[in-house]
Amino acid sequence: MLDSRSNISSEDELSALPLWAFTLGVFALLTFGLTAVPSIICGHLALARERTRRSFGKSVALVGLVIGYLGAAVFGTWSAVLIRHFLQ
């Protein structure tokens, strides 16, 4: 049976901020960068909170941050192409 008082310590739990950074980063790639800025913000906040610990959350936050910056690059490229297309 599932017990609400499980043996998982708070250090082993993955906080919500790295998960949000990763999820928003993936959505940034799927939506041509529309959620890139929130992903970058959540990634930096998560890395600041996980600075002293060496945990899985830090890795997830870093991956979310990288994907967020990649999504921002996709958004910038997409915007430049659209602007160039409409100005001609």
PDB file of N, CA and C in Angstrom:
ATOM      1  N   MET A   1       0.822  -1.184   0.000  1.00  0.00           N
ATOM      2  CA  MET A   1       0.000   0.000   0.000  1.00  0.00           C
ATOM      3  C   MET A   1       0.864   1.245   0.000  1.00  0.00           C
ATOM      4  N   LEU A   2       0.294   2.302  -0.509  1.00  0.00           N
ATOM      5  CA  LEU A   2       0.989   3.574  -0.492  1.00  0.00           C
ATOM      6  C   LEU A   2       0.783   4.256   0.842  1.00  0.00           C
ATOM      7  N   ASP A   3       1.836   4.774   1.353  1.00  0.00           N
ATOM      8  CA  ASP A   3       1.782   5.448   2.638  1.00  0.00           C
ATOM      9  C   ASP A   3       2.194   6.893   2.442  1.00  0.00           C
ATOM     10  N   SER A   4       1.460   7.800   3.018  1.00  0.00           N
ATOM     11  CA  SER A   4       1.789   9.213   2.867  1.00  0.00           C
ATOM     12  C   SER A   4       3.081   9.571   3.599  1.00  0.00           C
ATOM     13  N   ARG A   5       3.478   8.750   4.529  1.00  0.00           N
ATOM     14  CA  ARG A   5       4.729   8.981   5.265  1.00  0.00           C
ATOM     15  C   ARG A   5       5.813   8.079   4.690  1.00  0.00           C
ATOM     16  N   SER A   6       6.202   8.320   3.459  1.00  0.00           N
ATOM     17  CA  SER A   6       7.201   7.470   2.816  1.00  0.00           C
ATOM     18  C   SER A   6       8.592   7.781   3.367  1.00  0.00           C
ATOM     19  N   ASN A   7       9.538   6.986   2.977  1.00  0.00           N
ATOM     20  CA  ASN A   7      10.903   7.107   3.483  1.00  0.00           C
ATOM     21  C   ASN A   7      11.772   8.012   2.620  1.00  0.00           C
ATOM     22  N   ILE A   8      11.179   8.763   1.725  1.00  0.00           N
ATOM     23  CA  ILE A   8      11.952   9.655   0.871  1.00  0.00           C
ATOM     24  C   ILE A   8      12.281  10.913   1.659  1.00  0.00           C
ATOM     25  N   SER A   9      13.558  11.226   1.726  1.00  0.00           N
ATOM     26  CA  SER A   9      13.958  12.426   2.459  1.00  0.00           C
ATOM     27  C   SER A   9      13.800  13.646   1.561  1.00  0.00           C
ATOM     28  N   SER A  10      13.794  14.802   2.163  1.00  0.00           N
ATOM     29  CA  SER A  10      13.613  16.037   1.396  1.00  0.00           C
ATOM     30  C   SER A  10      14.799  16.299   0.475  1.00  0.00           C
ATOM     31  N   GLU A  11      15.960  15.756   0.785  1.00  0.00           N
ATOM     32  CA  GLU A  11      17.132  15.944  -0.062  1.00  0.00           C
ATOM     33  C   GLU A  11      17.031  15.125  -1.342  1.00  0.00           C
ATOM     34  N   ASP A  12      16.293  14.016  -1.307  1.00  0.00           N
ATOM     35  CA  ASP A  12      16.160  13.166  -2.477  1.00  0.00           C
ATOM     36  C   ASP A  12      15.032  13.602  -3.393  1.00  0.00           C
ATOM     37  N   GLU A  13      14.148  14.433  -2.914  1.00  0.00           N
ATOM     38  CA  GLU A  13      13.030  14.885  -3.723  1.00  0.00           C
ATOM     39  C   GLU A  13      13.496  15.910  -4.747  1.00  0.00           C
ATOM     40  N   LEU A  14      12.852  15.882  -5.887  1.00  0.00           N
ATOM     41  CA  LEU A  14      13.142  16.843  -6.936  1.00  0.00           C
ATOM     42  C   LEU A  14      12.158  17.992  -6.803  1.00  0.00           C
ATOM     43  N   SER A  15      12.675  19.190  -6.648  1.00  0.00           N
ATOM     44  CA  SER A  15      11.782  20.330  -6.466  1.00  0.00           C
ATOM     45  C   SER A  15      11.079  20.672  -7.782  1.00  0.00           C
ATOM     46  N   ALA A  16      10.090  21.520  -7.698  1.00  0.00           N
ATOM     47  CA  ALA A  16       9.266  21.842  -8.863  1.00  0.00           C
ATOM     48  C   ALA A  16       9.981  22.773  -9.842  1.00  0.00           C
ATOM     49  N   LEU A  17      10.874  23.602  -9.369  1.00  0.00           N
ATOM     50  CA  LEU A  17      11.506  24.587 -10.244  1.00  0.00           C
ATOM     51  C   LEU A  17      12.354  23.955 -11.357  1.00  0.00           C
ATOM     52  N   PRO A  18      13.209  22.973 -11.070  1.00  0.00           N
ATOM     53  CA  PRO A  18      13.922  22.331 -12.189  1.00  0.00           C
ATOM     54  C   PRO A  18      12.981  21.639 -13.167  1.00  0.00           C
ATOM     55  N   LEU A  19      11.913  21.065 -12.659  1.00  0.00           N
ATOM     56  CA  LEU A  19      10.947  20.418 -13.557  1.00  0.00           C
ATOM     57  C   LEU A  19      10.249  21.442 -14.449  1.00  0.00           C
ATOM     58  N   TRP A  20       9.916  22.586 -13.890  1.00  0.00           N
ATOM     59  CA  TRP A  20       9.308  23.636 -14.699  1.00  0.00           C
ATOM     60  C   TRP A  20      10.285  24.148 -15.751  1.00  0.00           C
ATOM     61  N   ALA A  21      11.542  24.302 -15.376  1.00  0.00           N
ATOM     62  CA  ALA A  21      12.545  24.769 -16.341  1.00  0.00           C
ATOM     63  C   ALA A  21      12.666  23.791 -17.503  1.00  0.00           C
ATOM     64  N   PHE A  22      12.703  22.512 -17.196  1.00  0.00           N
ATOM     65  CA  PHE A  22      12.816  21.492 -18.241  1.00  0.00           C
ATOM     66  C   PHE A  22      11.553  21.450 -19.101  1.00  0.00           C
ATOM     67  N   THR A  23      10.389  21.447 -18.464  1.00  0.00           N
ATOM     68  CA  THR A  23       9.127  21.356 -19.198  1.00  0.00           C
ATOM     69  C   THR A  23       8.916  22.570 -20.094  1.00  0.00           C
ATOM     70  N   LEU A  24       9.148  23.751 -19.555  1.00  0.00           N
ATOM     71  CA  LEU A  24       8.996  24.959 -20.366  1.00  0.00           C
ATOM     72  C   LEU A  24      10.031  25.014 -21.487  1.00  0.00           C
ATOM     73  N   GLY A  25      11.213  24.460 -21.247  1.00  0.00           N
ATOM     74  CA  GLY A  25      12.230  24.401 -22.297  1.00  0.00           C
ATOM     75  C   GLY A  25      11.805  23.501 -23.442  1.00  0.00           C
ATOM     76  N   VAL A  26      11.223  22.360 -23.120  1.00  0.00           N
ATOM     77  CA  VAL A  26      10.724  21.461 -24.164  1.00  0.00           C
ATOM     78  C   VAL A  26       9.584  22.124 -24.926  1.00  0.00           C
ATOM     79  N   PHE A  27       8.683  22.783 -24.201  1.00  0.00           N
ATOM     80  CA  PHE A  27       7.591  23.498 -24.867  1.00  0.00           C
ATOM     81  C   PHE A  27       8.120  24.641 -25.722  1.00  0.00           C
ATOM     82  N   ALA A  28       9.229  25.237 -25.337  1.00  0.00           N
ATOM     83  CA  ALA A  28       9.821  26.310 -26.138  1.00  0.00           C
ATOM     84  C   ALA A  28      10.256  25.787 -27.506  1.00  0.00           C
ATOM     85  N   LEU A  29      10.777  24.576 -27.536  1.00  0.00           N
ATOM     86  CA  LEU A  29      11.160  24.000 -28.819  1.00  0.00           C
ATOM     87  C   LEU A  29       9.943  23.631 -29.650  1.00  0.00           C
ATOM     88  N   LEU A  30       8.879  23.216 -28.996  1.00  0.00           N
ATOM     89  CA  LEU A  30       7.671  22.816 -29.709  1.00  0.00           C
ATOM     90  C   LEU A  30       6.848  24.006 -30.192  1.00  0.00           C
ATOM     91  N   THR A  31       6.973  25.156 -29.521  1.00  0.00           N
ATOM     92  CA  THR A  31       6.180  26.337 -29.867  1.00  0.00           C
ATOM     93  C   THR A  31       7.041  27.434 -30.478  1.00  0.00           C
ATOM     94  N   PHE A  32       8.154  27.081 -31.049  1.00  0.00           N
ATOM     95  CA  PHE A  32       9.076  28.026 -31.683  1.00  0.00           C
ATOM     96  C   PHE A  32       9.542  29.109 -30.720  1.00  0.00           C
ATOM     97  N   GLY A  33       9.775  28.749 -29.470  1.00  0.00           N
ATOM     98  CA  GLY A  33      10.401  29.641 -28.506  1.00  0.00           C
ATOM     99  C   GLY A  33       9.487  30.506 -27.670  1.00  0.00           C
ATOM    100  N   LEU A  34       8.198  30.253 -27.686  1.00  0.00           N
ATOM    101  CA  LEU A  34       7.284  31.126 -26.939  1.00  0.00           C
ATOM    102  C   LEU A  34       7.427  30.991 -25.426  1.00  0.00           C
ATOM    103  N   THR A  35       7.864  29.860 -24.927  1.00  0.00           N
ATOM    104  CA  THR A  35       8.038  29.684 -23.479  1.00  0.00           C
ATOM    105  C   THR A  35       9.514  29.661 -23.078  1.00  0.00           C
ATOM    106  N   ALA A  36      10.361  30.219 -23.915  1.00  0.00           N
ATOM    107  CA  ALA A  36      11.802  30.186 -23.641  1.00  0.00           C
ATOM    108  C   ALA A  36      12.184  31.073 -22.461  1.00  0.00           C
ATOM    109  N   VAL A  37      11.605  32.251 -22.380  1.00  0.00           N
ATOM    110  CA  VAL A  37      11.974  33.177 -21.304  1.00  0.00           C
ATOM    111  C   VAL A  37      11.574  32.630 -19.934  1.00  0.00           C
ATOM    112  N   PRO A  38      10.343  32.106 -19.751  1.00  0.00           N
ATOM    113  CA  PRO A  38      10.037  31.508 -18.453  1.00  0.00           C
ATOM    114  C   PRO A  38      10.934  30.308 -18.120  1.00  0.00           C
ATOM    115  N   SER A  39      11.329  29.550 -19.134  1.00  0.00           N
ATOM    116  CA  SER A  39      12.229  28.425 -18.904  1.00  0.00           C
ATOM    117  C   SER A  39      13.590  28.904 -18.410  1.00  0.00           C
ATOM    118  N   ILE A  40      14.089  29.963 -18.998  1.00  0.00           N
ATOM    119  CA  ILE A  40      15.386  30.516 -18.593  1.00  0.00           C
ATOM    120  C   ILE A  40      15.308  31.060 -17.169  1.00  0.00           C
ATOM    121  N   ILE A  41      14.232  31.745 -16.849  1.00  0.00           N
ATOM    122  CA  ILE A  41      14.058  32.296 -15.495  1.00  0.00           C
ATOM    123  C   ILE A  41      13.990  31.171 -14.469  1.00  0.00           C
ATOM    124  N   CYS A  42      13.164  30.156 -14.733  1.00  0.00           N
ATOM    125  CA  CYS A  42      13.049  29.024 -13.798  1.00  0.00           C
ATOM    126  C   CYS A  42      14.373  28.275 -13.679  1.00  0.00           C
ATOM    127  N   GLY A  43      15.099  28.133 -14.775  1.00  0.00           N
ATOM    128  CA  GLY A  43      16.393  27.449 -14.735  1.00  0.00           C
ATOM    129  C   GLY A  43      17.412  28.168 -13.878  1.00  0.00           C
ATOM    130  N   HIS A  44      17.481  29.487 -14.022  1.00  0.00           N
ATOM    131  CA  HIS A  44      18.428  30.250 -13.210  1.00  0.00           C
ATOM    132  C   HIS A  44      18.035  30.245 -11.729  1.00  0.00           C
ATOM    133  N   LEU A  45      16.743  30.364 -11.450  1.00  0.00           N
ATOM    134  CA  LEU A  45      16.296  30.301 -10.049  1.00  0.00           C
ATOM    135  C   LEU A  45      16.589  28.935  -9.440  1.00  0.00           C
ATOM    136  N   ALA A  46      16.354  27.873 -10.200  1.00  0.00           N
ATOM    137  CA  ALA A  46      16.612  26.522  -9.690  1.00  0.00           C
ATOM    138  C   ALA A  46      18.095  26.295  -9.458  1.00  0.00           C
ATOM    139  N   LEU A  47      18.938  26.784 -10.366  1.00  0.00           N
ATOM    140  CA  LEU A  47      20.383  26.632 -10.163  1.00  0.00           C
ATOM    141  C   LEU A  47      20.861  27.425  -8.951  1.00  0.00           C
ATOM    142  N   ALA A  48      20.277  28.586  -8.711  1.00  0.00           N
ATOM    143  CA  ALA A  48      20.658  29.378  -7.539  1.00  0.00           C
ATOM    144  C   ALA A  48      20.280  28.659  -6.248  1.00  0.00           C
ATOM    145  N   ARG A  49      19.136  27.974  -6.255  1.00  0.00           N
ATOM    146  CA  ARG A  49      18.727  27.240  -5.054  1.00  0.00           C
ATOM    147  C   ARG A  49      19.539  25.972  -4.843  1.00  0.00           C
ATOM    148  N   GLU A  50      19.989  25.368  -5.925  1.00  0.00           N
ATOM    149  CA  GLU A  50      20.715  24.105  -5.837  1.00  0.00           C
ATOM    150  C   GLU A  50      22.234  24.305  -5.853  1.00  0.00           C
ATOM    151  N   ARG A  51      22.690  25.531  -5.658  1.00  0.00           N
ATOM    152  CA  ARG A  51      24.106  25.848  -5.798  1.00  0.00           C
ATOM    153  C   ARG A  51      25.000  25.043  -4.846  1.00  0.00           C
ATOM    154  N   THR A  52      24.568  24.880  -3.626  1.00  0.00           N
ATOM    155  CA  THR A  52      25.430  24.235  -2.636  1.00  0.00           C
ATOM    156  C   THR A  52      25.345  22.715  -2.682  1.00  0.00           C
ATOM    157  N   ARG A  53      24.245  22.182  -3.200  1.00  0.00           N
ATOM    158  CA  ARG A  53      24.091  20.727  -3.221  1.00  0.00           C
ATOM    159  C   ARG A  53      24.455  20.166  -4.581  1.00  0.00           C
ATOM    160  N   ARG A  54      24.875  18.930  -4.573  1.00  0.00           N
ATOM    161  CA  ARG A  54      25.130  18.220  -5.825  1.00  0.00           C
ATOM    162  C   ARG A  54      24.007  17.207  -5.959  1.00  0.00           C
ATOM    163  N   SER A  55      22.992  17.561  -6.744  1.00  0.00           N
ATOM    164  CA  SER A  55      21.813  16.718  -6.798  1.00  0.00           C
ATOM    165  C   SER A  55      21.320  16.577  -8.232  1.00  0.00           C
ATOM    166  N   PHE A  56      20.329  15.711  -8.380  1.00  0.00           N
ATOM    167  CA  PHE A  56      19.712  15.481  -9.680  1.00  0.00           C
ATOM    168  C   PHE A  56      18.946  16.715 -10.131  1.00  0.00           C
ATOM    169  N   GLY A  57      18.411  17.481  -9.209  1.00  0.00           N
ATOM    170  CA  GLY A  57      17.678  18.696  -9.543  1.00  0.00           C
ATOM    171  C   GLY A  57      18.547  19.723 -10.245  1.00  0.00           C
ATOM    172  N   LYS A  58      19.806  19.779  -9.868  1.00  0.00           N
ATOM    173  CA  LYS A  58      20.734  20.706 -10.511  1.00  0.00           C
ATOM    174  C   LYS A  58      20.946  20.329 -11.972  1.00  0.00           C
ATOM    175  N   SER A  59      21.046  19.041 -12.246  1.00  0.00           N
ATOM    176  CA  SER A  59      21.218  18.573 -13.620  1.00  0.00           C
ATOM    177  C   SER A  59      19.981  18.861 -14.455  1.00  0.00           C
ATOM    178  N   VAL A  60      18.812  18.615 -13.887  1.00  0.00           N
ATOM    179  CA  VAL A  60      17.562  18.879 -14.603  1.00  0.00           C
ATOM    180  C   VAL A  60      17.419  20.372 -14.879  1.00  0.00           C
ATOM    181  N   ALA A  61      17.768  21.204 -13.919  1.00  0.00           N
ATOM    182  CA  ALA A  61      17.698  22.657 -14.106  1.00  0.00           C
ATOM    183  C   ALA A  61      18.660  23.110 -15.200  1.00  0.00           C
ATOM    184  N   LEU A  62      19.854  22.543 -15.220  1.00  0.00           N
ATOM    185  CA  LEU A  62      20.834  22.913 -16.229  1.00  0.00           C
ATOM    186  C   LEU A  62      20.371  22.507 -17.630  1.00  0.00           C
ATOM    187  N   VAL A  63      19.802  21.317 -17.752  1.00  0.00           N
ATOM    188  CA  VAL A  63      19.279  20.873 -19.045  1.00  0.00           C
ATOM    189  C   VAL A  63      18.123  21.771 -19.474  1.00  0.00           C
ATOM    190  N   GLY A  64      17.236  22.119 -18.551  1.00  0.00           N
ATOM    191  CA  GLY A  64      16.137  23.025 -18.859  1.00  0.00           C
ATOM    192  C   GLY A  64      16.623  24.394 -19.280  1.00  0.00           C
ATOM    193  N   LEU A  65      17.689  24.851 -18.649  1.00  0.00           N
ATOM    194  CA  LEU A  65      18.267  26.148 -18.984  1.00  0.00           C
ATOM    195  C   LEU A  65      18.863  26.139 -20.389  1.00  0.00           C
ATOM    196  N   VAL A  66      19.584  25.089 -20.716  1.00  0.00           N
ATOM    197  CA  VAL A  66      20.180  24.971 -22.054  1.00  0.00           C
ATOM    198  C   VAL A  66      19.092  24.893 -23.122  1.00  0.00           C
ATOM    199  N   ILE A  67      18.063  24.097 -22.869  1.00  0.00           N
ATOM    200  CA  ILE A  67      16.972  23.980 -23.834  1.00  0.00           C
ATOM    201  C   ILE A  67      16.234  25.320 -23.950  1.00  0.00           C
ATOM    202  N   GLY A  68      16.097  26.041 -22.845  1.00  0.00           N
ATOM    203  CA  GLY A  68      15.455  27.353 -22.874  1.00  0.00           C
ATOM    204  C   GLY A  68      16.226  28.345 -23.725  1.00  0.00           C
ATOM    205  N   TYR A  69      17.550  28.359 -23.580  1.00  0.00           N
ATOM    206  CA  TYR A  69      18.359  29.247 -24.417  1.00  0.00           C
ATOM    207  C   TYR A  69      18.300  28.823 -25.885  1.00  0.00           C
ATOM    208  N   LEU A  70      18.255  27.544 -26.141  1.00  0.00           N
ATOM    209  CA  LEU A  70      18.096  27.062 -27.509  1.00  0.00           C
ATOM    210  C   LEU A  70      16.742  27.493 -28.076  1.00  0.00           C
ATOM    211  N   GLY A  71      15.704  27.423 -27.254  1.00  0.00           N
ATOM    212  CA  GLY A  71      14.384  27.891 -27.668  1.00  0.00           C
ATOM    213  C   GLY A  71      14.379  29.390 -27.947  1.00  0.00           C
ATOM    214  N   ALA A  72      15.124  30.149 -27.156  1.00  0.00           N
ATOM    215  CA  ALA A  72      15.221  31.598 -27.392  1.00  0.00           C
ATOM    216  C   ALA A  72      15.925  31.870 -28.726  1.00  0.00           C
ATOM    217  N   ALA A  73      16.930  31.080 -29.043  1.00  0.00           N
ATOM    218  CA  ALA A  73      17.613  31.228 -30.336  1.00  0.00           C
ATOM    219  C   ALA A  73      16.672  30.881 -31.489  1.00  0.00           C
ATOM    220  N   VAL A  74      15.870  29.838 -31.295  1.00  0.00           N
ATOM    221  CA  VAL A  74      14.884  29.466 -32.320  1.00  0.00           C
ATOM    222  C   VAL A  74      13.877  30.594 -32.496  1.00  0.00           C
ATOM    223  N   PHE A  75      13.435  31.178 -31.390  1.00  0.00           N
ATOM    224  CA  PHE A  75      12.475  32.280 -31.460  1.00  0.00           C
ATOM    225  C   PHE A  75      13.082  33.491 -32.173  1.00  0.00           C
ATOM    226  N   GLY A  76      14.321  33.804 -31.871  1.00  0.00           N
ATOM    227  CA  GLY A  76      14.979  34.929 -32.540  1.00  0.00           C
ATOM    228  C   GLY A  76      15.137  34.697 -34.028  1.00  0.00           C
ATOM    229  N   THR A  77      15.524  33.506 -34.405  1.00  0.00           N
ATOM    230  CA  THR A  77      15.667  33.170 -35.821  1.00  0.00           C
ATOM    231  C   THR A  77      14.321  33.208 -36.522  1.00  0.00           C
ATOM    232  N   TRP A  78      13.322  32.635 -35.871  1.00  0.00           N
ATOM    233  CA  TRP A  78      11.969  32.608 -36.430  1.00  0.00           C
ATOM    234  C   TRP A  78      11.436  34.022 -36.617  1.00  0.00           C
ATOM    235  N   SER A  79      11.659  34.879 -35.638  1.00  0.00           N
ATOM    236  CA  SER A  79      11.203  36.271 -35.734  1.00  0.00           C
ATOM    237  C   SER A  79      11.919  37.008 -36.859  1.00  0.00           C
ATOM    238  N   ALA A  80      13.221  36.808 -36.992  1.00  0.00           N
ATOM    239  CA  ALA A  80      13.980  37.482 -38.049  1.00  0.00           C
ATOM    240  C   ALA A  80      13.510  37.040 -39.434  1.00  0.00           C
ATOM    241  N   VAL A  81      13.227  35.759 -39.581  1.00  0.00           N
ATOM    242  CA  VAL A  81      12.743  35.261 -40.867  1.00  0.00           C
ATOM    243  C   VAL A  81      11.372  35.849 -41.193  1.00  0.00           C
ATOM    244  N   LEU A  82      10.482  35.886 -40.200  1.00  0.00           N
ATOM    245  CA  LEU A  82       9.152  36.447 -40.438  1.00  0.00           C
ATOM    246  C   LEU A  82       9.210  37.936 -40.755  1.00  0.00           C
ATOM    247  N   ILE A  83      10.027  38.679 -40.039  1.00  0.00           N
ATOM    248  CA  ILE A  83      10.151  40.112 -40.289  1.00  0.00           C
ATOM    249  C   ILE A  83      10.714  40.364 -41.687  1.00  0.00           C
ATOM    250  N   ARG A  84      11.730  39.610 -42.036  1.00  0.00           N
ATOM    251  CA  ARG A  84      12.333  39.764 -43.364  1.00  0.00           C
ATOM    252  C   ARG A  84      11.316  39.408 -44.455  1.00  0.00           C
ATOM    253  N   HIS A  85      10.519  38.394 -44.210  1.00  0.00           N
ATOM    254  CA  HIS A  85       9.529  37.973 -45.196  1.00  0.00           C
ATOM    255  C   HIS A  85       8.460  39.044 -45.392  1.00  0.00           C
ATOM    256  N   PHE A  86       8.007  39.650 -44.309  1.00  0.00           N
ATOM    257  CA  PHE A  86       6.938  40.638 -44.418  1.00  0.00           C
ATOM    258  C   PHE A  86       7.427  42.008 -44.886  1.00  0.00           C
ATOM    259  N   LEU A  87       8.710  42.296 -44.768  1.00  0.00           N
ATOM    260  CA  LEU A  87       9.235  43.589 -45.211  1.00  0.00           C
ATOM    261  C   LEU A  87       9.579  43.611 -46.693  1.00  0.00           C
ATOM    262  N   GLN A  88       9.599  42.484 -47.326  1.00  0.00           N
ATOM    263  CA  GLN A  88       9.947  42.458 -48.756  1.00  0.00           C
ATOM    264  C   GLN A  88       8.755  42.677 -49.613  1.00  0.00           C
TER     265      GLN A  88
END
